[in-house]
Structures are given as structure tokens and as C-alpha cells.
Amino acid sequence: MNFIDRLVSAISPEAGLRRLRARHFMGRIEAYAGGNHYHGANRRDKAMRGKRASNADADTALSGDLEELRNQSNRLIRNEPLATGAIRTAVNSVIGPGLRLQSNINRRLVGLDADQAEAWQRKAEDLFTVWANSTDCDITKTNTFAGLQALVFRSKLVSGDCFSLLSDRAGGHPFDLAVQVVEGHRVSTPRGEKDGPQLNQGVEKDQHGAPVAYHVSTMHPGSAHNRNKADWVRIPVRQASRRVMLHHYQQLRPGQTRGEPFLSPVIYAFSQLGDYTKAELEAAVVSAFYTVFLKSEELEADELADGIKQTADAEAKAAGLDVGNNEVHLKRGGVTVLGPEESIEIANPGRPNALFDPFVNAIIMQIGAGLGIPQEVLTKSFKASYSAAKAALQEAWQVFNTWRHWMADSFCRPVYEAFITEQVLTGRLYAPGFLTDPIVRRGYLGSTWIGSPMPQLDPLKEAQAAEKRMDVLKLTTHAEESAALTCLHPLSTTTVTTQGKRIGTHAG
């Protein structure tokens, strides 16, 4: 309170209070106008005008754009080398030759000693390997289990999600289980029905939002054979407590029903960069031609062009060339005598553009940040120092390792659990309590999925660093370093083997 405030309050407390209240609200208005708020929410700012944002939920925000995002993603992969490379880099780094199984049962839950557990795990791994290494695991008899992993992960990246139907085939096969990969486009709300809380984008939910069934079209909506004759089949998530349908997607927001394509945040940047690259390439090709303009002060432009055309046609006929395409051909190394009022000007489009490379690299850096893949890994260009290249590779590997965990949880483990259940039911595996106690069943179904290790920029330096961590600093064991550097990369709990025997366990 200043002197006048105190004076007014002494004479009339009510008037003084009104004065203070008015000053308080005026201060709030001045603070807002002065920028003491979130600039991103200031609609008065010219930079924020026209950038209206909605408070739509996850499904409302995605459902209207999902089909176009899928189509644009497929277009980029077909036509833009950098987009194709981004998907290929992700699939090769996450899946590679395929994630490999290691059975990892809980001995305390299932009641087996170490030797019994070892024997059970080896038999389970042997049976699964026989199934996974043949195309019998694929309902279309096209892929091995490693190929199915790559197909599922690639489809998830491109379309945002995909589905796996765990089918039981009739007799005549060593194993009944077969996997059918269903593209995300085929799961949709049947024709004539509307999306709502219980049925959204082909996914039927219960009162808690958990999926209970999926509605699958008998034909791809973009198939040339569709002709609006497709029908929908309702496939439950479970049948007789057994998983039948798997939905592979990453939920980015609570309540999100379908997945978002991997390239969604960078589709615009990819499209614009592709157009710019094509324009620069065409300009460079055009500039490679020796283009001249002939000027004359005596002849009109049409007369000059006709004269050049007649001369070129005569020369072409003399050389036995076709002159019906209205093109003028310049002779190689020819000498032309110009008239007294004629001159030549050479067109110089200024290509290649010297600023092309730094500008494109700046855009690629933003694209890499949006995808979670550093620019060096995205473009396969390691021109910086060893430490910078190593940091970029490690940053990318954190993303790839996270995707590996997701792939193991979403696809590999559920399929393995269905396979082991079949082997117990058929008697190939003896598992007491498996069918009667769900806790014991989970103890038998423990598994670890192992992928290829992170690439090494300098194997000698990596080996020297591993030796120092083991022998000098005593931070790691020989088993851990062997798993990280040679053949195995732990996803959760990895048991390292040598000469057929497990020698150590590493909790990753």
C-alpha cells in the first residue's frame, strides 16, 4: 500500500478495500498481457493464431486420419529412399535374423530341482526350434518364425498395428499350431455399423475397455477383388481360456484402441524433402546439357527458330537420323558461323546447389529426432569422431532394445505360450500342475528372447574396454561381457552357455 492507499483506507476502509481489489485484478491483467503465462496457450500472439488445438481423446484424434496415415506411409516406403531405409534399419536392428528363445522356468513355482528344470527347458527349446525353423509355423507356409517376427514388426511400423491369429490346423502336421498374420487394414467396423464405446475401429470392448473380440474383413479394403463384397468375421480374443487373436501395437495414450504408423510425425517432412530432392536432381540433370540461346537483331524469334530447325533437319537427314520429333540436335565439336547481328548466350542454372547438402542434413536431423533414430544411423554415415559415432549408435540401440522388449511381449511370448500349451496337451511335455494351477502354468511358461548384439565400430577397443571392466574395475563378469560382445544380447534374464552347459546368468 502506498501513501494514498493508506490515506483512503484510514478515511473509508470500504473504499480502500475496493481500491486494493481493483489494483489486484489490474495486476493480473497486466501480468497476462506481459507474458507471465504459457506462451503456447496465448491465442492473442500472432504466432499462435490459426493453430487451434482440440482436446479430443485418443480414438477421436486418430480414427479420422488413420487410413490416410497408412496410405501415406505406404507411399513413402514405395517411393522415398530415406523412408524405406528408416523402416529397414529398424527391422534389421530389432529383429535381424530373428529373436531366439531360451526357456526360463521358475523352479520354485513348478517344484523341480536344477537337473529336472534343465532337462525340461532343453526339451521345450528343442520342440520349439523344430517348429520355428520350418514354414509349418506359418499358416501360408511362407515364413519361418524369424520371418514372421520381421513381418509382424514391419507391418506394425508401416500401418501402426497388425494382428496374429493363432490357428489350430487339422491333422497331417507334426504340430497343430500355425500363425496367420492379419494386416491392420482388415480389422474394421463392419459395414452399416457405427463406432461407439463398445465397438471402435473393429475392436469390440467390455465395460472396462479391454478387447473381447475383433471384426476382421474377409478381404483387404484395397484389394482389386473386393468390389464391396467383403464380409466380416467376429474373432474372439480367447476361446476356452486360450489366446486366439493377438493385437500388436503400442498404446501411446490411455484408451487408445489402434496403433499409429511409425512415420506419422515425419510424413510431411519426408514428402517435402522428397519433392525438393527430385527438383534439385532434375535441375542438375538439365544443367548437365549444354544449353544455348541464339539472339538476332534482324530476324524475329519464329523466323530464327525456323531457320535453325531447317538447318538441323538437313544435317540430320544427311546423317540418316529421324527428324520427326521436333528436336534440334547440336553437333559435337561443331563450328557454326554466325551472322553479323547474331550472338550466343549460355544458360547457367547454377546446379548442383552448393547449399543442398547442409539443408538436407538439417531436415534429416529433425526426421531422425522424430523417429528416435540418430542421423548417423538413419543415413549410415559415420563421418564424425569415434566417440560421436559410438554415442549415436548407443542412442539408437536404446530405442531398438525397447522395441525388442515390446516385440517379445507382444508376439514371441504369447506364441510360445500357445505352443507349449499344445505340447503339454499332446503329452510331448510332462508338466505337473500346468493344467490345474494358473500360477504353476506361468512358472512353466517363462521365456527369454535374445537378439543380435549392438554393432561394434572398433572391436579391438570394445574388447579392451571389456577386459578393463572385468579384470581392473571388477564391474562385470566374463559371462556378461561374452553375452554383450559376441553372440547374445540379453533382453531380460539371459543365461550364457558354453559347450552345452549354462555357466552364468545375467539380469539385463
Protein backbone atom coordinates (compact mmCIF):
# COMPACT_ATOMS: atom_id res chain seq x y z
CA MET A 1 0.00 0.00 0.00
CA ASN A 2 1.29 3.40 -0.97
CA PHE A 3 0.57 6.69 0.86
CA ILE A 4 -2.71 7.32 -0.98
CA ASP A 5 -3.88 3.74 -0.27
CA ARG A 6 -3.24 4.18 3.43
CA LEU A 7 -4.93 7.57 3.46
CA VAL A 8 -8.06 6.31 1.67
CA SER A 9 -8.21 3.23 3.91
CA ALA A 10 -7.97 5.40 7.02
CA ILE A 11 -10.88 7.57 5.88
CA SER A 12 -13.02 4.75 4.39
CA PRO A 13 -11.94 1.12 4.81
CA GLU A 14 -14.55 0.01 2.25
CA ALA A 15 -13.18 2.38 -0.38
CA GLY A 16 -9.63 1.30 0.43
CA LEU A 17 -10.62 -2.36 0.02
CA ARG A 18 -12.23 -1.66 -3.35
CA ARG A 19 -9.09 0.18 -4.39
CA LEU A 20 -6.86 -2.75 -3.43
CA ARG A 21 -9.19 -5.26 -5.13
CA ALA A 22 -9.20 -3.24 -8.36
CA ARG A 23 -5.42 -2.95 -8.26
CA HIS A 24 -5.12 -6.71 -7.74
CA PHE A 25 -7.19 -7.54 -10.83
CA MET A 26 -5.44 -4.91 -12.89
CA GLY A 27 -2.15 -6.53 -11.94
CA ARG A 28 -3.40 -9.90 -13.14
CA ILE A 29 -4.47 -8.43 -16.48
CA GLU A 30 -1.11 -6.69 -16.91
CA ALA A 31 0.71 -9.91 -16.00
CA TYR A 32 -1.21 -11.86 -18.63
CA ALA A 33 -0.63 -9.21 -21.27
CA GLY A 34 3.03 -9.05 -20.29
CA GLY A 35 3.62 -12.73 -20.88
CA ASN A 36 3.51 -14.22 -17.36
CA HIS A 37 1.74 -17.33 -18.67
CA TYR A 38 2.33 -20.24 -21.07
CA HIS A 39 3.24 -18.72 -24.42
CA GLY A 40 1.94 -21.83 -26.16
CA ALA A 41 -1.56 -21.11 -24.83
CA ASN A 42 -1.61 -17.38 -25.68
CA ARG A 43 -4.12 -17.14 -28.54
CA ARG A 44 -3.50 -13.38 -28.82
CA ASP A 45 0.04 -13.97 -30.05
CA LYS A 46 0.27 -13.70 -33.83
CA ALA A 47 2.45 -16.81 -33.96
CA MET A 48 -0.30 -18.90 -32.35
CA ARG A 49 -3.21 -17.58 -34.39
CA GLY A 50 -4.72 -20.23 -36.62
CA LYS A 51 -3.01 -23.05 -34.69
CA ARG A 52 -6.12 -24.30 -32.99
CA ALA A 53 -5.81 -27.46 -30.91
CA SER A 54 -8.56 -29.84 -29.84
CA ASN A 55 -8.98 -31.82 -26.65
CA ALA A 56 -10.13 -34.97 -28.47
CA ASP A 57 -9.49 -38.34 -26.88
CA ALA A 58 -7.04 -40.81 -28.38
CA ASP A 59 -9.53 -42.62 -30.63
CA THR A 60 -11.24 -39.45 -31.85
CA ALA A 61 -7.94 -37.82 -32.72
CA LEU A 62 -6.60 -40.86 -34.60
CA SER A 63 -9.57 -42.64 -36.16
CA GLY A 64 -10.37 -39.97 -38.75
CA ASP A 65 -6.77 -39.78 -40.03
CA LEU A 66 -5.62 -43.38 -39.58
CA GLU A 67 -6.47 -44.59 -43.10
CA GLU A 68 -4.73 -41.63 -44.75
CA LEU A 69 -1.70 -42.00 -42.47
CA ARG A 70 -1.41 -45.65 -43.50
CA ASN A 71 -1.72 -44.80 -47.18
CA GLN A 72 0.86 -42.02 -46.97
CA SER A 73 3.22 -44.27 -45.01
CA ASN A 74 2.99 -46.94 -47.71
CA ARG A 75 3.52 -44.32 -50.43
CA LEU A 76 6.68 -43.04 -48.77
CA ILE A 77 8.11 -46.53 -48.35
CA ARG A 78 7.48 -47.28 -52.01
CA ASN A 79 8.98 -44.03 -53.32
CA GLU A 80 11.27 -42.30 -50.81
CA PRO A 81 14.68 -43.93 -50.20
CA LEU A 82 15.14 -42.37 -46.75
CA ALA A 83 11.74 -43.61 -45.52
CA THR A 84 12.47 -47.08 -46.86
CA GLY A 85 15.85 -47.00 -45.15
CA ALA A 86 14.32 -45.96 -41.82
CA ILE A 87 11.95 -48.95 -41.82
CA ARG A 88 14.66 -51.34 -42.98
CA THR A 89 17.10 -50.07 -40.33
CA ALA A 90 14.51 -50.58 -37.59
CA VAL A 91 13.59 -54.11 -38.73
CA ASN A 92 17.19 -55.22 -39.24
CA SER A 93 18.32 -53.83 -35.89
CA VAL A 94 15.39 -55.05 -33.79
CA ILE A 95 14.68 -58.42 -35.40
CA GLY A 96 17.76 -59.18 -37.50
CA PRO A 97 17.96 -62.94 -38.07
CA GLY A 98 15.19 -63.39 -35.51
CA LEU A 99 14.86 -63.28 -31.72
CA ARG A 100 15.88 -66.63 -30.26
CA LEU A 101 14.14 -68.49 -27.46
CA GLN A 102 15.62 -69.50 -24.15
CA SER A 103 13.24 -71.31 -21.81
CA ASN A 104 13.45 -69.88 -18.31
CA ILE A 105 11.05 -71.68 -15.96
CA ASN A 106 10.61 -70.75 -12.30
CA ARG A 107 11.86 -73.84 -10.42
CA ARG A 108 10.38 -72.73 -7.11
CA LEU A 109 6.88 -72.38 -8.55
CA VAL A 110 6.86 -75.62 -10.55
CA GLY A 111 8.64 -77.70 -7.90
CA LEU A 112 11.56 -79.03 -9.95
CA ASP A 113 15.18 -79.37 -8.93
CA ALA A 114 18.02 -77.95 -11.03
CA ASP A 115 18.58 -81.07 -13.14
CA GLN A 116 14.86 -81.61 -13.79
CA ALA A 117 14.39 -77.96 -14.73
CA GLU A 118 17.41 -78.12 -17.06
CA ALA A 119 16.07 -81.19 -18.82
CA TRP A 120 12.56 -79.71 -19.16
CA GLN A 121 13.91 -76.45 -20.60
CA ARG A 122 16.07 -78.24 -23.15
CA LYS A 123 13.20 -80.36 -24.38
CA ALA A 124 10.90 -77.33 -24.64
CA GLU A 125 13.56 -75.43 -26.60
CA ASP A 126 14.20 -78.39 -28.92
CA LEU A 127 10.50 -78.82 -29.72
CA PHE A 128 10.02 -75.11 -30.34
CA THR A 129 13.13 -74.96 -32.54
CA VAL A 130 11.82 -77.76 -34.76
CA TRP A 131 8.52 -75.89 -35.18
CA ALA A 132 10.05 -72.40 -35.56
CA ASN A 133 12.69 -73.36 -38.13
CA SER A 134 10.15 -74.75 -40.59
CA THR A 135 7.47 -72.96 -42.58
CA ASP A 136 4.83 -75.10 -40.81
CA CYS A 137 4.64 -72.32 -38.20
CA ASP A 138 3.14 -70.02 -40.87
CA ILE A 139 -0.42 -70.75 -41.98
CA THR A 140 0.60 -69.69 -45.51
CA LYS A 141 3.74 -71.92 -45.37
CA THR A 142 5.84 -68.95 -46.45
CA ASN A 143 7.90 -67.84 -43.43
CA THR A 144 9.79 -69.40 -40.58
CA PHE A 145 9.21 -67.95 -37.11
CA ALA A 146 12.01 -65.43 -37.69
CA GLY A 147 10.30 -64.33 -40.90
CA LEU A 148 7.00 -63.97 -39.04
CA GLN A 149 8.71 -61.73 -36.48
CA ALA A 150 10.03 -59.45 -39.22
CA LEU A 151 6.64 -59.43 -40.98
CA VAL A 152 4.75 -58.51 -37.80
CA PHE A 153 7.20 -55.79 -36.81
CA ARG A 154 7.38 -54.26 -40.28
CA SER A 155 3.59 -54.27 -40.61
CA LYS A 156 3.29 -52.63 -37.21
CA LEU A 157 5.72 -49.88 -38.21
CA VAL A 158 4.08 -49.19 -41.56
CA SER A 159 0.38 -49.49 -40.65
CA GLY A 160 0.51 -48.72 -36.94
CA ASP A 161 -0.64 -52.17 -35.88
CA CYS A 162 -1.29 -55.70 -37.10
CA PHE A 163 -2.86 -58.88 -35.75
CA SER A 164 -1.87 -62.52 -35.38
CA LEU A 165 -4.42 -65.31 -35.46
CA LEU A 166 -3.26 -68.45 -33.63
CA SER A 167 -4.91 -71.20 -35.64
CA ASP A 168 -5.31 -74.92 -35.00
CA ARG A 169 -4.87 -76.90 -38.20
CA ALA A 170 -6.37 -80.28 -38.94
CA GLY A 171 -4.27 -83.45 -38.79
CA GLY A 172 -1.38 -84.27 -41.07
CA HIS A 173 1.11 -81.90 -39.44
CA PRO A 174 3.63 -82.59 -36.67
CA PHE A 175 2.27 -79.54 -34.81
CA ASP A 176 -1.26 -78.14 -34.90
CA LEU A 177 -0.38 -74.52 -34.11
CA ALA A 178 0.09 -72.11 -37.03
CA VAL A 179 0.25 -68.31 -37.08
CA GLN A 180 -1.69 -66.16 -39.54
CA VAL A 181 -0.59 -62.51 -39.73
CA VAL A 182 -3.52 -60.17 -40.47
CA GLU A 183 -2.84 -56.67 -41.79
CA GLY A 184 -4.34 -53.86 -39.76
CA HIS A 185 -6.45 -52.60 -42.69
CA ARG A 186 -8.63 -55.71 -42.49
CA VAL A 187 -9.77 -55.11 -38.91
CA SER A 188 -12.54 -52.52 -39.10
CA THR A 189 -16.09 -51.83 -38.05
CA PRO A 190 -18.48 -53.86 -40.24
CA ARG A 191 -20.32 -52.02 -42.97
CA GLY A 192 -23.50 -50.39 -41.72
CA GLU A 193 -22.41 -50.18 -38.08
CA LYS A 194 -21.12 -47.11 -36.26
CA ASP A 195 -18.20 -46.75 -33.90
CA GLY A 196 -19.04 -46.37 -30.25
CA PRO A 197 -17.67 -47.10 -26.77
CA GLN A 198 -18.11 -50.88 -27.15
CA LEU A 199 -17.12 -51.19 -30.84
CA ASN A 200 -14.40 -48.90 -32.15
CA GLN A 201 -12.47 -49.34 -35.40
CA GLY A 202 -13.23 -53.06 -35.48
CA VAL A 203 -12.27 -53.71 -31.85
CA GLU A 204 -15.05 -54.87 -29.54
CA LYS A 205 -14.51 -53.99 -25.85
CA ASP A 206 -16.04 -54.78 -22.48
CA GLN A 207 -17.17 -52.24 -19.90
CA HIS A 208 -13.56 -51.76 -18.73
CA GLY A 209 -12.21 -51.07 -22.20
CA ALA A 210 -10.48 -54.46 -22.57
CA PRO A 211 -10.79 -56.05 -26.04
CA VAL A 212 -13.04 -59.11 -26.21
CA ALA A 213 -13.26 -59.63 -30.00
CA TYR A 214 -12.02 -58.31 -33.35
CA HIS A 215 -14.07 -57.88 -36.51
CA VAL A 216 -11.96 -58.97 -39.50
CA SER A 217 -12.90 -58.34 -43.11
CA THR A 218 -12.64 -61.33 -45.43
CA MET A 219 -10.85 -59.11 -47.97
CA HIS A 220 -8.37 -56.25 -47.83
CA PRO A 221 -10.26 -52.98 -48.46
CA GLY A 222 -7.77 -52.07 -51.18
CA SER A 223 -7.93 -55.38 -52.98
CA ALA A 224 -8.88 -55.34 -56.65
CA HIS A 225 -11.16 -58.30 -55.92
CA ASN A 226 -13.06 -56.58 -53.12
CA ARG A 227 -15.81 -54.94 -55.20
CA ASN A 228 -17.70 -54.15 -51.97
CA LYS A 229 -18.42 -57.84 -51.47
CA ALA A 230 -16.32 -58.26 -48.33
CA ASP A 231 -17.88 -59.77 -45.24
CA TRP A 232 -16.76 -59.52 -41.60
CA VAL A 233 -15.90 -62.34 -39.20
CA ARG A 234 -16.03 -61.85 -35.44
CA ILE A 235 -12.97 -63.47 -33.82
CA PRO A 236 -12.90 -63.54 -30.00
CA VAL A 237 -9.71 -62.73 -28.15
CA ARG A 238 -9.95 -66.01 -26.22
CA GLN A 239 -11.63 -69.32 -26.78
CA ALA A 240 -11.85 -71.71 -23.80
CA SER A 241 -9.32 -69.55 -21.87
CA ARG A 242 -6.83 -69.82 -24.75
CA ARG A 243 -5.49 -66.78 -26.61
CA VAL A 244 -6.71 -66.80 -30.20
CA MET A 245 -6.04 -63.28 -31.52
CA LEU A 246 -3.05 -61.05 -30.77
CA HIS A 247 -3.09 -57.29 -31.38
CA HIS A 248 0.37 -55.80 -31.96
CA TYR A 249 0.52 -52.06 -31.33
CA GLN A 250 1.95 -49.56 -28.86
CA GLN A 251 -0.55 -47.62 -26.79
CA LEU A 252 0.64 -44.02 -26.64
CA ARG A 253 -2.39 -42.63 -24.80
CA PRO A 254 -4.83 -44.14 -22.28
CA GLY A 255 -7.85 -45.55 -24.07
CA GLN A 256 -6.13 -45.75 -27.47
CA THR A 257 -7.62 -48.61 -29.48
CA ARG A 258 -5.47 -48.73 -32.64
CA GLY A 259 -1.83 -48.02 -33.36
CA GLU A 260 -0.26 -45.01 -35.03
CA PRO A 261 2.08 -45.58 -38.01
CA PHE A 262 5.75 -45.13 -37.18
CA LEU A 263 6.28 -42.45 -39.84
CA SER A 264 3.25 -40.35 -38.81
CA PRO A 265 5.17 -37.45 -37.19
CA VAL A 266 7.51 -37.08 -40.19
CA ILE A 267 5.27 -37.80 -43.18
CA TYR A 268 5.10 -34.10 -44.11
CA ALA A 269 8.86 -33.65 -43.75
CA PHE A 270 9.56 -36.77 -45.81
CA SER A 271 7.17 -35.66 -48.56
CA GLN A 272 8.59 -32.15 -48.81
CA LEU A 273 12.17 -33.40 -48.67
CA GLY A 274 11.42 -35.89 -51.43
CA ASP A 275 9.94 -33.20 -53.67
CA TYR A 276 12.89 -30.88 -53.00
CA THR A 277 15.40 -33.64 -53.74
CA LYS A 278 13.66 -34.52 -57.01
CA ALA A 279 13.60 -30.85 -58.06
CA GLU A 280 17.32 -30.44 -57.35
CA LEU A 281 18.11 -33.68 -59.17
CA GLU A 282 16.15 -32.61 -62.26
CA ALA A 283 17.81 -29.19 -62.21
CA ALA A 284 21.24 -30.81 -62.01
CA VAL A 285 20.40 -33.10 -64.94
CA VAL A 286 19.17 -30.19 -67.04
CA SER A 287 22.25 -28.15 -66.23
CA ALA A 288 24.41 -31.01 -67.48
CA PHE A 289 23.15 -30.32 -71.00
CA TYR A 290 24.91 -27.58 -72.94
CA THR A 291 22.02 -25.14 -73.44
CA VAL A 292 22.48 -22.02 -75.61
CA PHE A 293 20.23 -19.18 -76.70
CA LEU A 294 20.78 -17.62 -80.14
CA LYS A 295 19.99 -13.88 -80.41
CA SER A 296 19.49 -11.94 -83.61
CA GLU A 297 18.56 -8.29 -84.11
CA GLU A 298 17.45 -8.75 -87.73
CA LEU A 299 15.23 -11.85 -87.55
CA GLU A 300 12.14 -12.41 -85.49
CA ALA A 301 12.16 -15.28 -82.96
CA ASP A 302 9.91 -17.50 -85.09
CA GLU A 303 11.97 -16.92 -88.22
CA LEU A 304 15.20 -17.65 -86.32
CA ALA A 305 13.78 -20.88 -84.85
CA ASP A 306 12.55 -22.00 -88.27
CA GLY A 307 15.98 -21.38 -89.75
CA ILE A 308 17.70 -23.37 -87.01
CA LYS A 309 15.17 -26.16 -87.40
CA GLN A 310 15.64 -26.34 -91.17
CA THR A 311 19.42 -26.43 -90.79
CA ALA A 312 19.21 -29.15 -88.13
CA ASP A 313 16.77 -31.21 -90.18
CA ALA A 314 19.00 -31.03 -93.20
CA GLU A 315 22.02 -32.14 -91.18
CA ALA A 316 20.01 -34.95 -89.54
CA LYS A 317 18.72 -36.22 -92.91
CA ALA A 318 22.23 -36.17 -94.28
CA ALA A 319 23.31 -38.27 -91.28
CA GLY A 320 20.37 -40.65 -91.71
CA LEU A 321 18.63 -39.55 -88.45
CA ASP A 322 14.91 -39.22 -87.73
CA VAL A 323 13.76 -35.59 -87.81
CA GLY A 324 10.10 -36.11 -86.92
CA ASN A 325 10.40 -35.34 -83.21
CA ASN A 326 10.76 -31.54 -83.46
CA GLU A 327 14.09 -31.58 -81.62
CA VAL A 328 17.18 -29.63 -82.57
CA HIS A 329 20.45 -31.55 -82.21
CA LEU A 330 23.76 -29.75 -81.78
CA LYS A 331 26.75 -31.33 -83.43
CA ARG A 332 29.62 -32.43 -81.23
CA GLY A 333 32.64 -30.25 -81.70
CA GLY A 334 30.94 -28.36 -84.50
CA VAL A 335 31.83 -24.80 -85.57
CA THR A 336 28.95 -22.55 -86.60
CA VAL A 337 29.43 -19.26 -88.43
CA LEU A 338 27.09 -16.58 -87.07
CA GLY A 339 25.68 -13.65 -88.92
CA PRO A 340 26.85 -10.09 -88.26
CA GLU A 341 23.87 -9.35 -85.94
CA GLU A 342 23.76 -12.74 -84.16
CA SER A 343 25.16 -13.70 -80.74
CA ILE A 344 25.01 -16.65 -78.35
CA GLU A 345 24.08 -16.64 -74.65
CA ILE A 346 24.70 -19.73 -72.49
CA ALA A 347 22.13 -20.63 -69.79
CA ASN A 348 23.66 -21.22 -66.33
CA PRO A 349 21.10 -22.62 -63.85
CA GLY A 350 23.70 -22.81 -61.05
CA ARG A 351 23.42 -26.52 -60.33
CA PRO A 352 24.41 -28.55 -58.38
CA ASN A 353 23.30 -26.35 -55.48
CA ALA A 354 26.14 -25.84 -53.02
CA LEU A 355 23.66 -25.44 -50.13
CA PHE A 356 21.78 -28.65 -50.91
CA ASP A 357 23.78 -30.94 -48.62
CA PRO A 358 23.69 -28.84 -45.40
CA PHE A 359 19.99 -28.08 -45.84
CA VAL A 360 19.06 -31.73 -46.41
CA ASN A 361 21.17 -32.82 -43.44
CA ALA A 362 19.36 -30.33 -41.22
CA ILE A 363 15.98 -31.76 -42.26
CA ILE A 364 17.21 -35.34 -41.82
CA MET A 365 18.37 -34.44 -38.31
CA GLN A 366 14.82 -33.35 -37.44
CA ILE A 367 13.38 -36.50 -39.02
CA GLY A 368 15.78 -38.65 -37.02
CA ALA A 369 14.77 -36.89 -33.81
CA GLY A 370 11.11 -37.53 -34.61
CA LEU A 371 11.75 -41.23 -35.26
CA GLY A 372 14.16 -41.75 -32.38
CA ILE A 373 16.96 -42.76 -34.76
CA PRO A 374 20.07 -40.51 -34.84
CA GLN A 375 21.00 -39.01 -38.18
CA GLU A 376 24.22 -41.04 -38.41
CA VAL A 377 22.36 -44.33 -38.00
CA LEU A 378 19.50 -43.25 -40.27
CA THR A 379 21.80 -42.32 -43.16
CA LYS A 380 24.50 -44.94 -42.39
CA SER A 381 27.07 -42.14 -42.43
CA PHE A 382 29.61 -42.08 -39.58
CA LYS A 383 31.86 -39.21 -40.58
CA ALA A 384 32.34 -37.69 -37.13
CA SER A 385 34.76 -38.86 -34.45
CA TYR A 386 34.72 -42.35 -32.97
CA SER A 387 33.13 -41.11 -29.74
CA ALA A 388 30.36 -39.26 -31.62
CA ALA A 389 29.60 -42.28 -33.79
CA LYS A 390 29.61 -44.52 -30.72
CA ALA A 391 27.20 -42.20 -28.90
CA ALA A 392 24.83 -42.15 -31.88
CA LEU A 393 24.89 -45.94 -32.11
CA GLN A 394 24.23 -46.35 -28.38
CA GLU A 395 21.36 -43.87 -28.51
CA ALA A 396 19.77 -45.76 -31.38
CA TRP A 397 20.35 -49.09 -29.65
CA GLN A 398 18.36 -47.94 -26.62
CA VAL A 399 15.38 -47.42 -28.91
CA PHE A 400 15.93 -50.72 -30.71
CA ASN A 401 16.27 -52.60 -27.41
CA THR A 402 12.99 -51.09 -26.18
CA TRP A 403 11.30 -52.32 -29.36
CA ARG A 404 12.79 -55.76 -28.78
CA HIS A 405 11.19 -55.92 -25.37
CA TRP A 406 7.88 -54.90 -26.93
CA MET A 407 8.23 -57.48 -29.71
CA ALA A 408 8.98 -60.24 -27.20
CA ASP A 409 5.98 -59.31 -25.03
CA SER A 410 3.54 -58.68 -27.87
CA PHE A 411 4.34 -61.56 -30.24
CA CYS A 412 7.05 -64.02 -29.26
CA ARG A 413 5.95 -64.93 -25.73
CA PRO A 414 2.22 -65.34 -26.48
CA VAL A 415 3.01 -67.60 -29.44
CA TYR A 416 5.48 -69.60 -27.35
CA GLU A 417 2.91 -69.99 -24.57
CA ALA A 418 0.34 -71.31 -27.07
CA PHE A 419 2.95 -73.74 -28.43
CA ILE A 420 3.93 -75.08 -25.00
CA THR A 421 0.27 -75.49 -24.05
CA GLU A 422 -0.21 -77.65 -27.14
CA GLN A 423 2.83 -79.77 -26.25
CA VAL A 424 1.52 -80.36 -22.72
CA LEU A 425 -1.93 -81.28 -24.02
CA THR A 426 -0.47 -83.74 -26.54
CA GLY A 427 1.82 -85.31 -23.94
CA ARG A 428 5.13 -84.33 -25.52
CA LEU A 429 5.96 -82.31 -22.40
CA TYR A 430 5.17 -83.53 -18.88
CA ALA A 431 4.31 -80.56 -16.65
CA PRO A 432 2.56 -81.46 -13.36
CA GLY A 433 0.06 -78.78 -12.32
CA PHE A 434 0.19 -76.98 -15.69
CA LEU A 435 -3.50 -77.51 -16.49
CA THR A 436 -4.87 -77.13 -12.97
CA ASP A 437 -3.00 -74.22 -11.39
CA PRO A 438 -2.59 -70.94 -13.38
CA ILE A 439 0.33 -69.86 -11.19
CA VAL A 440 2.21 -73.09 -11.86
CA ARG A 441 1.41 -72.70 -15.57
CA ARG A 442 3.05 -69.28 -15.59
CA GLY A 443 6.09 -70.77 -13.89
CA TYR A 444 6.48 -73.23 -16.78
CA LEU A 445 5.95 -70.58 -19.48
CA GLY A 446 8.82 -68.28 -18.53
CA SER A 447 10.99 -67.37 -21.51
CA THR A 448 13.73 -65.02 -22.63
CA TRP A 449 14.14 -63.75 -26.20
CA ILE A 450 17.65 -62.95 -27.35
CA GLY A 451 18.68 -60.81 -30.29
CA SER A 452 21.88 -59.85 -32.06
CA PRO A 453 24.35 -57.64 -30.16
CA MET A 454 24.94 -53.99 -30.88
CA PRO A 455 27.33 -53.48 -33.82
CA GLN A 456 30.91 -52.67 -32.85
CA LEU A 457 32.66 -49.76 -34.51
CA ASP A 458 36.08 -50.89 -33.28
CA PRO A 459 36.14 -54.49 -31.96
CA LEU A 460 39.64 -54.07 -30.51
CA LYS A 461 38.62 -51.07 -28.40
CA GLU A 462 35.45 -52.85 -27.30
CA ALA A 463 37.43 -55.90 -26.22
CA GLN A 464 39.97 -53.78 -24.33
CA ALA A 465 37.17 -51.92 -22.55
CA ALA A 466 35.51 -55.21 -21.62
CA GLU A 467 38.79 -56.53 -20.24
CA LYS A 468 39.22 -53.43 -18.09
CA ARG A 469 35.66 -53.68 -16.76
CA MET A 470 36.22 -57.33 -15.80
CA ASP A 471 39.81 -57.51 -14.56
CA VAL A 472 40.62 -54.00 -13.34
CA LEU A 473 37.38 -52.40 -12.18
CA LYS A 474 35.62 -55.69 -11.34
CA LEU A 475 32.31 -54.30 -12.61
CA THR A 476 31.20 -57.21 -14.80
CA THR A 477 31.75 -60.92 -15.25
CA HIS A 478 33.13 -62.88 -18.18
CA ALA A 479 29.66 -64.26 -18.88
CA GLU A 480 28.13 -60.80 -19.08
CA GLU A 481 30.79 -59.47 -21.44
CA SER A 482 30.54 -62.57 -23.65
CA ALA A 483 26.80 -62.07 -23.93
CA ALA A 484 27.15 -58.40 -24.82
CA LEU A 485 30.03 -58.60 -27.30
CA THR A 486 29.94 -61.92 -29.11
CA CYS A 487 26.72 -63.68 -29.93
CA LEU A 488 23.92 -62.89 -27.48
CA HIS A 489 22.31 -59.69 -26.32
CA PRO A 490 20.18 -60.07 -23.15
CA LEU A 491 16.63 -58.77 -23.18
CA SER A 492 15.66 -59.57 -19.62
CA THR A 493 17.33 -62.56 -18.00
CA THR A 494 19.91 -64.28 -20.17
CA THR A 495 21.70 -67.48 -19.27
CA VAL A 496 25.03 -67.76 -21.05
CA THR A 497 26.01 -71.23 -22.27
CA THR A 498 29.28 -72.85 -23.21
CA GLN A 499 29.78 -76.38 -24.53
CA GLY A 500 26.10 -77.10 -23.98
CA LYS A 501 26.06 -76.11 -20.27
CA ARG A 502 24.74 -72.99 -18.62
CA ILE A 503 27.57 -71.19 -16.82
CA GLY A 504 26.07 -67.92 -15.65
CA THR A 505 23.01 -65.73 -15.55
CA HIS A 506 22.86 -62.05 -16.35
CA ALA A 507 19.87 -59.90 -15.41
CA GLY A 508 19.70 -57.29 -18.14
